[in-house]
């Protein structure tokens, strides 16, 4: 079971929000971030960057968790 600290939860929420935004773009051609903050405005670019950094953090967290949880061979 993955136990997240506050930073992990924030990153996970940002990644989910980013994923939902991409689903809106793909299905309805509607970019919620651009609608709220303006098309490629400074704020929109910051939101995109923060979501991207959160995704990298979650990727590193998942990789380190999987590496530490590798099954061990049973002794004979």
Protein backbone atom coordinates (compact mmCIF):
# COMPACT_ATOMS: atom_id res chain seq x y z
CA UNK A 1 0.00 0.00 0.00
CA UNK A 2 1.30 3.40 -0.96
CA UNK A 3 1.36 5.90 1.90
CA UNK A 4 1.54 9.50 0.77
CA UNK A 5 2.66 12.55 2.70
CA UNK A 6 1.05 15.95 2.14
CA UNK A 7 3.27 16.70 -0.85
CA UNK A 8 2.40 13.33 -2.37
CA UNK A 9 -1.33 13.96 -2.00
CA UNK A 10 -1.02 17.42 -3.53
CA UNK A 11 0.96 15.99 -6.46
CA UNK A 12 -1.57 13.19 -6.94
CA UNK A 13 -4.49 15.63 -6.95
CA UNK A 14 -2.70 17.87 -9.47
CA UNK A 15 -1.98 14.91 -11.74
CA UNK A 16 -5.63 13.80 -11.59
CA UNK A 17 -6.82 17.35 -12.35
CA UNK A 18 -4.35 17.52 -15.24
CA UNK A 19 -5.57 14.18 -16.55
CA UNK A 20 -9.17 15.31 -16.40
CA UNK A 21 -8.24 18.51 -18.23
CA UNK A 22 -6.61 16.42 -20.99
CA UNK A 23 -9.74 14.25 -21.15
CA UNK A 24 -11.81 17.41 -21.69
CA UNK A 25 -9.40 18.51 -24.43
CA UNK A 26 -9.50 15.12 -26.14
CA UNK A 27 -13.23 14.51 -25.92
CA UNK A 28 -14.73 18.00 -26.15
CA UNK A 29 -11.85 20.18 -27.43
CA UNK A 30 -12.29 22.25 -24.25
CA UNK A 31 -9.25 23.32 -22.24
CA UNK A 32 -10.49 24.18 -18.75
CA UNK A 33 -7.18 25.74 -17.67
CA UNK A 34 -7.17 28.03 -20.71
CA UNK A 35 -10.83 28.88 -20.11
CA UNK A 36 -10.12 29.89 -16.50
CA UNK A 37 -6.73 31.59 -16.84
CA UNK A 38 -6.62 32.60 -20.53
CA UNK A 39 -5.07 30.98 -23.57
CA UNK A 40 -1.36 30.50 -22.74
CA UNK A 41 -1.41 33.33 -20.20
CA UNK A 42 1.33 33.45 -17.59
CA UNK A 43 -1.01 31.86 -15.03
CA UNK A 44 -2.04 29.08 -17.40
CA UNK A 45 1.62 28.33 -18.16
CA UNK A 46 2.35 28.17 -14.42
CA UNK A 47 -0.55 25.75 -13.90
CA UNK A 48 0.68 23.54 -16.75
CA UNK A 49 4.24 23.60 -15.34
CA UNK A 50 3.11 22.78 -11.79
CA UNK A 51 1.00 19.85 -13.05
CA UNK A 52 3.98 18.62 -15.07
CA UNK A 53 6.31 18.81 -12.05
CA UNK A 54 3.68 16.96 -10.00
CA UNK A 55 3.59 14.22 -12.64
CA UNK A 56 7.38 13.87 -12.48
CA UNK A 57 7.19 13.70 -8.67
CA UNK A 58 4.52 10.96 -8.80
CA UNK A 59 6.56 9.05 -11.40
CA UNK A 60 9.67 9.15 -9.19
CA UNK A 61 7.60 8.21 -6.13
CA UNK A 62 6.03 5.26 -7.96
CA UNK A 63 9.38 4.08 -9.30
CA UNK A 64 11.01 4.22 -5.87
CA UNK A 65 8.03 2.44 -4.29
CA UNK A 66 8.11 -0.32 -6.92
CA UNK A 67 11.87 -0.71 -6.56
CA UNK A 68 11.56 -1.15 -2.79
CA UNK A 69 8.66 -3.59 -3.12
CA UNK A 70 10.35 -6.08 -5.47
CA UNK A 71 9.52 -9.66 -4.46
CA UNK A 72 12.35 -11.65 -2.95
CA UNK A 73 13.14 -15.19 -4.04
CA UNK A 74 12.33 -17.80 -1.43
CA UNK A 75 15.35 -19.58 0.03
CA UNK A 76 15.63 -23.28 -0.84
